[in-house]
Amino acid sequence: MKLPSGPRWSLAAFWLLSRAVLLLYTFRVVFVPGPDVTTDVSVIYFQWYEVLLGGTYPLDDVTWQYPPAAAFAILSPGLLPFLEYAHAFFVLALVCDAVVFGLLVYAGGRPGKSRAGAWVWLAGVPLLGPTAYARFDIMVTAVAVTALLAGVRHPRTMGVLVGVGALLKVWPALLLLGTARGRVTRRSWVAAAVSGAAVLGACVLAAPGALAFLTFQRDRGTEVESLGSLVFHVARFFGAWDGEVRLNYGSVEFLGPYVPLVSGAALGLTALAFGWLLVWRVRAREFDATTLCDAAFVAVLLFTTTSRVISPQYMLWLVGLAAVCLVWRGSRMRRPVLLVLVATGVTLLEFPLWFSHVVASDALGLALLFVRNGLLVAASLSAARVLWRRTVTEPRLRDAGTARVPTQADHHDGALLSS
């Protein structure tokens, strides 16, 4: 019997092998040094699951910081009642992973496309380690990837999925920034608004506390893995800051002097990023097949990098969007995509492997954060530059070359013709 061969089977074989290793970690057959990342599912998610089954959102739990549709992700393990909650969650995470992988392989096999995107997803998920399966972000990423792949031909379908995704975890709303002006934007944006409103209304009617998450982040500090946290890490390393590091709002954060100032600066950077995206949207002259996914990648990358919270699972969003970019053979996002993949691997080192060094602000922890966050900054600048050049600068130069300014000789010839 001849075994199947070819790129698709190589991809499938690597996917099966890498995901089997991930399941060994998440099912705790094999252990990773550092904090046990699966406890968020077996303890926190399970507690939310029991509260939601009781007919209400977690009204008194400030760690519940998600839009109301996130309840669907938390309740989803109930679809597999023959498994305990955590195991059912990991199996569903595997299913979402497989769906994304299958879509990328299928899309990459079409004319003018590439399976480079499938390879990005294949490598990026295990680079993040067991965290990839121990958070519901993989489910949100699956919705976002499906929306982008559908968006080129079916803007209404994309809009519906974006509306649902935004009610799962807000950031998928950024996918709409790159829609082509005119009919595509109208259809996708209206569909997103209608589907989002429908899901929100259903959640509000279904259980009390659907909007409680809006007030649960007012007193957050600066998370220890964020770009702004480097200020406090360096100060602690030299003994120049007397604040504290503790678990706050579900993550390890800096609390103390100057934290509000740094957190405000992070919000300011995010506002500047949003302002740049608006300027880009207004000045962009050309929206081709790659613009939709390129703009989505740039937008989420900018907001992730400037956020006062960069949780490890956020890298999964970037890996998914990066993979969609490289589905197009002519994509110019290869350099920022590579930077994101390397940053994802470094993220596994800083959490969970050597997270104690990050919390202690020692030399190793500082080095890991400077490298990871530096890679994110470099990827953000590189990706933004590529997007601007492709959609603003190059079309303007082409238009200028087409509309050549008349010379003196042209005027002379015109005078002769008219005489």
Protein backbone atom coordinates (compact mmCIF):
# COMPACT_ATOMS: atom_id res chain seq x y z
CA MET A 1 0.00 0.00 0.00
CA LYS A 2 1.47 3.34 -1.05
CA LEU A 3 1.41 6.03 1.63
CA PRO A 4 0.06 9.49 0.68
CA SER A 5 2.69 12.08 -0.04
CA GLY A 6 2.88 15.81 -0.75
CA PRO A 7 2.74 19.10 1.14
CA ARG A 8 -0.74 18.52 2.58
CA TRP A 9 0.23 15.22 4.14
CA SER A 10 3.45 16.69 5.52
CA LEU A 11 1.42 19.46 7.11
CA ALA A 12 -1.07 16.98 8.54
CA ALA A 13 1.66 14.77 9.96
CA PHE A 14 3.39 17.68 11.70
CA TRP A 15 0.06 18.95 13.00
CA LEU A 16 -0.85 15.57 14.52
CA LEU A 17 2.55 15.19 16.15
CA SER A 18 2.75 18.71 17.59
CA ARG A 19 -0.83 18.66 18.87
CA ALA A 20 -0.34 15.28 20.51
CA VAL A 21 2.50 16.83 22.48
CA LEU A 22 0.30 19.79 23.45
CA LEU A 23 -2.41 17.46 24.70
CA LEU A 24 0.13 15.56 26.81
CA TYR A 25 0.95 18.84 28.54
CA THR A 26 -2.62 20.04 28.97
CA PHE A 27 -3.80 16.63 30.24
CA ARG A 28 -0.83 16.77 32.63
CA VAL A 29 0.79 13.58 31.41
CA VAL A 30 3.95 15.64 30.81
CA PHE A 31 4.76 18.69 32.95
CA VAL A 32 6.18 22.09 31.98
CA PRO A 33 8.31 23.96 34.52
CA GLY A 34 6.74 27.04 36.05
CA PRO A 35 3.11 27.81 36.91
CA ASP A 36 0.47 25.28 35.92
CA VAL A 37 -1.36 27.10 33.12
CA THR A 38 -4.22 24.57 33.10
CA THR A 39 -5.57 25.71 36.48
CA ASP A 40 -7.29 28.65 34.80
CA VAL A 41 -9.54 26.10 33.12
CA SER A 42 -9.94 23.57 35.92
CA VAL A 43 -10.49 26.21 38.64
CA ILE A 44 -11.43 29.68 37.32
CA TYR A 45 -13.29 28.69 34.16
CA PHE A 46 -15.07 25.88 36.01
CA GLN A 47 -16.23 28.29 38.72
CA TRP A 48 -17.60 30.63 36.06
CA TYR A 49 -19.25 27.63 34.39
CA GLU A 50 -21.12 26.76 37.57
CA VAL A 51 -22.22 30.38 38.08
CA LEU A 52 -23.42 30.65 34.47
CA LEU A 53 -25.34 27.40 34.79
CA GLY A 54 -27.11 29.04 37.71
CA GLY A 55 -28.59 31.61 35.34
CA THR A 56 -26.41 34.65 36.01
CA TYR A 57 -23.06 36.14 35.01
CA PRO A 58 -20.25 36.29 37.62
CA LEU A 59 -21.52 39.51 39.20
CA ASP A 60 -19.09 39.57 42.12
CA ASP A 61 -15.94 38.33 40.38
CA VAL A 62 -13.71 41.15 39.10
CA THR A 63 -11.65 38.63 37.12
CA TRP A 64 -14.63 38.28 34.75
CA GLN A 65 -13.59 40.95 32.25
CA TYR A 66 -15.09 39.66 29.04
CA PRO A 67 -18.01 40.65 26.80
CA PRO A 68 -21.17 38.62 27.42
CA ALA A 69 -20.77 36.14 24.55
CA ALA A 70 -17.66 34.78 26.29
CA ALA A 71 -20.17 32.82 28.34
CA PHE A 72 -20.66 30.56 25.30
CA ALA A 73 -16.97 29.62 25.35
CA ILE A 74 -17.06 28.95 29.09
CA LEU A 75 -20.22 26.83 28.78
CA SER A 76 -19.05 24.94 25.67
CA PRO A 77 -17.43 22.00 27.56
CA GLY A 78 -20.98 21.06 28.56
CA LEU A 79 -21.32 19.78 24.99
CA LEU A 80 -19.09 16.87 26.04
CA PRO A 81 -20.74 15.66 29.28
CA PHE A 82 -18.84 12.36 29.20
CA LEU A 83 -15.59 14.24 29.96
CA GLU A 84 -14.66 16.28 33.01
CA TYR A 85 -14.81 20.02 32.43
CA ALA A 86 -11.10 20.73 31.86
CA HIS A 87 -10.58 17.76 29.54
CA ALA A 88 -13.66 18.69 27.52
CA PHE A 89 -12.32 22.24 27.19
CA PHE A 90 -8.96 21.01 25.89
CA VAL A 91 -10.66 18.75 23.36
CA LEU A 92 -12.75 21.66 22.07
CA ALA A 93 -9.60 23.78 21.86
CA LEU A 94 -8.08 21.03 19.73
CA VAL A 95 -11.15 21.06 17.48
CA CYS A 96 -10.86 24.84 17.00
CA ASP A 97 -7.17 24.44 16.22
CA ALA A 98 -8.02 21.78 13.63
CA VAL A 99 -10.68 23.99 12.03
CA VAL A 100 -8.25 26.90 11.62
CA PHE A 101 -5.57 24.59 10.27
CA GLY A 102 -7.97 22.98 7.79
CA LEU A 103 -9.21 26.35 6.53
CA LEU A 104 -5.66 27.60 6.03
CA VAL A 105 -4.62 24.44 4.18
CA TYR A 106 -7.70 24.62 1.93
CA ALA A 107 -7.33 28.34 1.23
CA GLY A 108 -3.61 27.98 0.58
CA GLY A 109 -4.21 25.35 -2.09
CA ARG A 110 -6.25 27.66 -4.32
CA PRO A 111 -4.78 29.53 -7.33
CA GLY A 112 -2.60 32.47 -6.36
CA LYS A 113 -2.49 31.34 -2.74
CA SER A 114 0.16 29.71 -0.57
CA ARG A 115 0.23 27.17 2.23
CA ALA A 116 2.78 29.33 4.06
CA GLY A 117 -0.12 30.48 6.24
CA ALA A 118 -0.84 26.93 7.30
CA TRP A 119 2.82 26.49 8.25
CA VAL A 120 2.69 29.67 10.34
CA TRP A 121 -0.29 28.32 12.31
CA LEU A 122 1.29 24.87 12.50
CA ALA A 123 4.42 26.31 14.14
CA GLY A 124 2.95 29.22 16.06
CA VAL A 125 0.48 27.33 18.26
CA PRO A 126 3.00 24.90 19.81
CA LEU A 127 5.54 27.74 20.13
CA LEU A 128 3.17 29.22 22.71
CA GLY A 129 3.08 25.93 24.60
CA PRO A 130 0.15 24.63 26.67
CA THR A 131 -1.20 28.16 27.14
CA ALA A 132 -2.59 27.88 23.60
CA TYR A 133 -5.11 25.23 24.71
CA ALA A 134 -5.64 26.52 28.25
CA ARG A 135 -7.41 29.76 27.31
CA PHE A 136 -10.55 30.36 25.26
CA ASP A 137 -8.61 32.73 22.98
CA ILE A 138 -8.11 29.89 20.50
CA MET A 139 -11.89 29.83 20.02
CA VAL A 140 -11.99 33.58 19.39
CA THR A 141 -9.06 33.31 16.99
CA ALA A 142 -10.88 30.58 15.06
CA VAL A 143 -13.83 32.96 14.56
CA ALA A 144 -11.49 35.77 13.44
CA VAL A 145 -9.56 33.61 10.96
CA THR A 146 -12.81 32.29 9.47
CA ALA A 147 -14.12 35.85 9.15
CA LEU A 148 -11.04 37.08 7.30
CA LEU A 149 -10.94 34.12 4.92
CA ALA A 150 -14.63 34.61 4.15
CA GLY A 151 -14.39 38.37 3.90
CA VAL A 152 -12.77 38.61 0.47
CA ARG A 153 -15.83 37.19 -1.30
CA HIS A 154 -18.57 37.32 1.33
CA PRO A 155 -18.47 40.61 3.26
CA ARG A 156 -21.81 39.98 4.99
CA THR A 157 -20.59 36.63 6.32
CA MET A 158 -17.46 38.32 7.58
CA GLY A 159 -19.53 41.01 9.25
CA VAL A 160 -21.70 38.47 11.06
CA LEU A 161 -18.64 36.62 12.34
CA VAL A 162 -16.92 39.86 13.39
CA GLY A 163 -20.02 40.89 15.34
CA VAL A 164 -20.03 37.58 17.18
CA GLY A 165 -16.26 37.68 17.72
CA ALA A 166 -16.38 41.19 19.16
CA LEU A 167 -18.94 40.00 21.72
CA LEU A 168 -16.54 37.18 22.61
CA LYS A 169 -13.45 39.31 23.20
CA VAL A 170 -13.71 42.80 21.60
CA TRP A 171 -10.54 42.72 19.43
CA PRO A 172 -12.14 41.02 16.38
CA ALA A 173 -13.94 44.34 15.76
CA LEU A 174 -10.58 45.60 14.45
CA LEU A 175 -10.87 43.23 11.48
CA LEU A 176 -13.26 45.69 9.82
CA LEU A 177 -10.61 48.40 9.43
CA GLY A 178 -9.31 47.01 6.15
CA THR A 179 -12.60 46.53 4.30
CA ALA A 180 -12.70 48.15 0.87
CA ARG A 181 -14.62 51.42 0.71
CA GLY A 182 -18.14 51.44 -0.64
CA ARG A 183 -20.39 48.42 -0.87
CA VAL A 184 -18.01 46.00 0.91
CA THR A 185 -17.68 48.28 3.92
CA ARG A 186 -21.41 48.96 4.08
CA ARG A 187 -22.33 45.29 3.92
CA SER A 188 -19.74 44.04 6.39
CA TRP A 189 -20.11 46.86 8.92
CA VAL A 190 -23.91 46.71 8.92
CA ALA A 191 -23.85 42.91 9.26
CA ALA A 192 -21.39 43.21 12.17
CA ALA A 193 -23.56 45.80 13.91
CA VAL A 194 -26.74 43.75 13.47
CA SER A 195 -25.21 40.43 14.57
CA GLY A 196 -23.43 42.09 17.50
CA ALA A 197 -26.61 43.81 18.64
CA ALA A 198 -28.57 40.56 18.33
CA VAL A 199 -26.03 38.58 20.39
CA LEU A 200 -25.77 41.35 22.98
CA GLY A 201 -29.54 41.60 23.30
CA ALA A 202 -29.89 37.85 23.68
CA CYS A 203 -27.23 37.76 26.41
CA VAL A 204 -28.75 40.69 28.31
CA LEU A 205 -32.18 39.05 28.22
CA ALA A 206 -30.85 35.60 29.09
CA ALA A 207 -29.09 36.41 32.37
CA PRO A 208 -28.43 39.36 34.70
CA GLY A 209 -24.94 40.86 34.79
CA ALA A 210 -24.12 40.63 31.08
CA LEU A 211 -22.56 44.11 31.15
CA ALA A 212 -20.92 43.88 34.56
CA PHE A 213 -17.50 43.42 32.92
CA LEU A 214 -17.51 47.10 31.92
CA THR A 215 -16.78 48.20 35.50
CA PHE A 216 -14.37 45.41 36.46
CA GLN A 217 -11.13 46.95 35.13
CA ARG A 218 -11.18 50.48 36.53
CA ASP A 219 -8.43 49.89 39.12
CA ARG A 220 -6.07 47.75 37.07
CA GLY A 221 -2.33 48.24 37.41
CA THR A 222 0.36 47.59 34.81
CA GLU A 223 0.73 43.92 33.97
CA VAL A 224 4.27 42.58 34.48
CA GLU A 225 4.69 41.39 30.87
CA SER A 226 3.56 44.58 29.14
CA LEU A 227 5.73 47.13 27.35
CA GLY A 228 5.16 49.71 30.08
CA SER A 229 6.18 47.26 32.79
CA LEU A 230 9.81 47.53 31.64
CA VAL A 231 10.00 50.88 33.44
CA PHE A 232 9.27 49.20 36.77
CA HIS A 233 11.36 46.11 36.04
CA VAL A 234 14.44 48.26 35.43
CA ALA A 235 13.70 50.42 38.48
CA ARG A 236 13.27 47.33 40.70
CA PHE A 237 16.45 45.80 39.31
CA PHE A 238 18.37 48.85 40.52
CA GLY A 239 16.39 49.14 43.75
CA ALA A 240 14.81 52.45 42.75
CA TRP A 241 11.10 51.59 43.10
CA ASP A 242 9.26 50.50 46.24
CA GLY A 243 5.93 49.35 44.82
CA GLU A 244 4.66 45.77 44.85
CA VAL A 245 3.94 42.92 42.48
CA ARG A 246 0.83 40.90 43.16
CA LEU A 247 -2.10 39.10 41.59
CA ASN A 248 -4.67 41.72 40.63
CA TYR A 249 -7.73 41.34 38.38
CA GLY A 250 -6.61 37.88 37.36
CA SER A 251 -3.04 38.77 36.33
CA VAL A 252 0.25 39.62 38.01
CA GLU A 253 0.59 43.41 38.03
CA PHE A 254 2.70 46.25 39.35
CA LEU A 255 0.93 48.37 41.94
CA GLY A 256 2.35 51.46 43.62
CA PRO A 257 4.00 54.81 42.82
CA TYR A 258 3.85 56.01 39.20
CA VAL A 259 1.79 53.01 38.05
CA PRO A 260 -1.20 55.19 37.07
CA LEU A 261 1.17 57.42 35.10
CA VAL A 262 2.64 54.49 33.14
CA SER A 263 -0.80 52.95 32.62
CA GLY A 264 -2.02 56.30 31.31
CA ALA A 265 0.95 56.48 28.95
CA ALA A 266 0.08 53.02 27.64
CA LEU A 267 -3.49 54.15 26.98
CA GLY A 268 -2.06 57.22 25.24
CA LEU A 269 0.05 55.02 22.97
CA THR A 270 -3.01 52.94 22.15
CA ALA A 271 -4.91 56.13 21.29
CA LEU A 272 -2.06 57.22 19.01
CA ALA A 273 -2.11 53.81 17.32
CA PHE A 274 -5.85 54.16 16.75
CA GLY A 275 -5.33 57.66 15.38
CA TRP A 276 -2.69 56.38 12.94
CA LEU A 277 -5.07 53.66 11.78
CA LEU A 278 -7.80 56.24 11.14
CA VAL A 279 -5.35 58.39 9.14
CA TRP A 280 -4.33 55.32 7.16
CA ARG A 281 -7.97 54.44 6.47
CA VAL A 282 -8.64 57.95 5.13
CA ARG A 283 -5.48 58.19 3.01
CA ALA A 284 -5.37 54.63 1.64
CA ARG A 285 -5.82 54.69 -2.13
CA GLU A 286 -5.81 51.01 -2.94
CA PHE A 287 -7.62 48.09 -1.30
CA ASP A 288 -6.52 44.85 -2.94
CA ALA A 289 -7.02 41.23 -1.90
CA THR A 290 -4.32 41.39 0.78
CA THR A 291 -5.36 44.71 2.35
CA LEU A 292 -8.14 43.22 4.48
CA CYS A 293 -5.93 40.74 6.32
CA ASP A 294 -2.86 43.00 6.35
CA ALA A 295 -4.81 45.84 8.00
CA ALA A 296 -6.34 43.44 10.54
CA PHE A 297 -2.89 42.10 11.42
CA VAL A 298 -1.42 45.59 11.79
CA ALA A 299 -4.34 46.85 13.90
CA VAL A 300 -4.31 43.97 16.37
CA LEU A 301 -0.51 44.02 16.51
CA LEU A 302 -0.48 47.74 17.38
CA PHE A 303 -3.15 47.38 20.04
CA THR A 304 -1.45 44.33 21.57
CA THR A 305 1.98 45.95 21.70
CA THR A 306 0.74 49.18 23.29
CA SER A 307 -1.64 47.53 25.76
CA ARG A 308 -1.00 47.78 29.50
CA VAL A 309 -1.73 44.04 29.58
CA ILE A 310 0.07 41.61 27.26
CA SER A 311 -1.06 38.20 28.42
CA PRO A 312 0.73 35.25 26.76
CA GLN A 313 -2.45 34.08 25.00
CA TYR A 314 -2.62 37.37 23.10
CA MET A 315 0.16 36.01 20.90
CA LEU A 316 -2.33 33.46 19.58
CA TRP A 317 -4.37 36.29 18.04
CA LEU A 318 -1.30 37.54 16.21
CA VAL A 319 -0.30 34.07 15.01
CA GLY A 320 -3.78 33.50 13.57
CA LEU A 321 -3.90 36.83 11.74
CA ALA A 322 -0.30 36.44 10.57
CA ALA A 323 -1.20 33.04 9.12
CA VAL A 324 -4.07 34.54 7.12
CA CYS A 325 -1.73 37.22 5.71
CA LEU A 326 0.61 34.60 4.29
CA VAL A 327 -2.21 32.71 2.59
CA TRP A 328 -1.69 35.24 -0.21
CA ARG A 329 1.39 34.38 -2.22
CA GLY A 330 2.22 38.05 -2.83
CA SER A 331 2.05 39.06 0.84
CA ARG A 332 4.77 41.45 1.99
CA MET A 333 4.17 40.72 5.67
CA ARG A 334 6.74 37.93 5.86
CA ARG A 335 9.24 39.88 7.97
CA PRO A 336 6.74 41.02 10.66
CA VAL A 337 5.19 37.54 10.64
CA LEU A 338 8.60 36.00 11.33
CA LEU A 339 9.17 38.51 14.15
CA VAL A 340 5.81 37.55 15.67
CA LEU A 341 6.68 33.84 15.51
CA VAL A 342 10.01 34.44 17.27
CA ALA A 343 8.24 36.61 19.87
CA THR A 344 5.78 33.76 20.45
CA GLY A 345 8.63 31.36 21.17
CA VAL A 346 10.19 33.85 23.60
CA THR A 347 6.78 34.20 25.27
CA LEU A 348 6.87 30.49 26.13
CA LEU A 349 10.22 31.09 27.84
CA GLU A 350 8.95 34.02 29.91
CA PHE A 351 5.65 32.29 30.69
CA PRO A 352 5.44 29.74 32.08
CA LEU A 353 9.01 28.41 31.96
CA TRP A 354 10.88 31.28 33.65
CA PHE A 355 7.99 33.38 34.91
CA SER A 356 9.50 33.50 38.39
CA HIS A 357 12.43 35.46 36.94
CA VAL A 358 10.03 37.91 35.30
CA VAL A 359 8.16 38.45 38.58
CA ALA A 360 11.47 38.91 40.41
CA SER A 361 12.70 41.47 37.82
CA ASP A 362 16.10 39.78 37.75
CA ALA A 363 18.57 39.81 34.86
CA LEU A 364 17.05 36.82 33.06
CA GLY A 365 13.52 38.16 33.44
CA LEU A 366 14.57 41.57 32.13
CA ALA A 367 16.35 40.02 29.14
CA LEU A 368 13.33 37.92 28.20
CA LEU A 369 10.93 40.85 28.37
CA PHE A 370 13.23 43.22 26.48
CA VAL A 371 13.61 40.65 23.71
CA ARG A 372 9.93 39.68 23.48
CA ASN A 373 8.56 43.23 23.69
CA GLY A 374 11.32 44.52 21.44
CA LEU A 375 10.30 41.97 18.81
CA LEU A 376 6.68 43.11 19.09
CA VAL A 377 7.68 46.76 18.65
CA ALA A 378 9.83 45.87 15.63
CA ALA A 379 7.02 43.79 14.13
CA SER A 380 4.51 46.63 14.69
CA LEU A 381 6.68 49.25 12.99
CA SER A 382 7.60 46.93 10.13
CA ALA A 383 4.02 45.81 9.48
CA ALA A 384 2.65 49.37 9.66
CA ARG A 385 5.31 50.54 7.20
CA VAL A 386 4.46 47.74 4.76
CA LEU A 387 0.74 48.51 4.95
CA TRP A 388 1.28 52.24 4.40
CA ARG A 389 3.65 51.76 1.48
CA ARG A 390 1.44 49.24 -0.28
CA THR A 391 -1.84 51.14 0.03
CA VAL A 392 -0.80 54.82 0.25
CA THR A 393 2.72 55.54 -1.05
CA GLU A 394 2.95 53.18 -4.04
CA PRO A 395 -0.52 53.96 -5.49
CA ARG A 396 0.25 57.70 -5.16
CA LEU A 397 3.54 57.27 -7.00
CA ARG A 398 1.85 55.26 -9.76
CA ASP A 399 -0.85 57.91 -10.15
CA ALA A 400 1.83 60.62 -10.30
CA GLY A 401 3.68 58.71 -13.00
CA THR A 402 0.52 58.23 -15.05
CA ALA A 403 -0.56 61.85 -14.82
CA ARG A 404 2.70 63.34 -16.15
CA VAL A 405 3.05 67.10 -15.87
CA PRO A 406 3.09 68.70 -19.41
CA THR A 407 6.49 70.06 -20.48
CA GLN A 408 7.37 73.16 -22.54
CA ALA A 409 7.72 70.93 -25.58
CA ASP A 410 4.17 69.70 -25.09
CA HIS A 411 2.87 73.27 -25.09
CA HIS A 412 4.88 74.06 -28.27
CA ASP A 413 3.48 70.99 -30.09
CA GLY A 414 -0.03 71.91 -29.00
CA ALA A 415 0.37 75.42 -30.42
CA LEU A 416 1.52 74.02 -33.78
CA LEU A 417 -1.45 71.65 -33.97
CA SER A 418 -3.92 74.45 -33.27
CA SER A 419 -2.45 76.79 -35.92
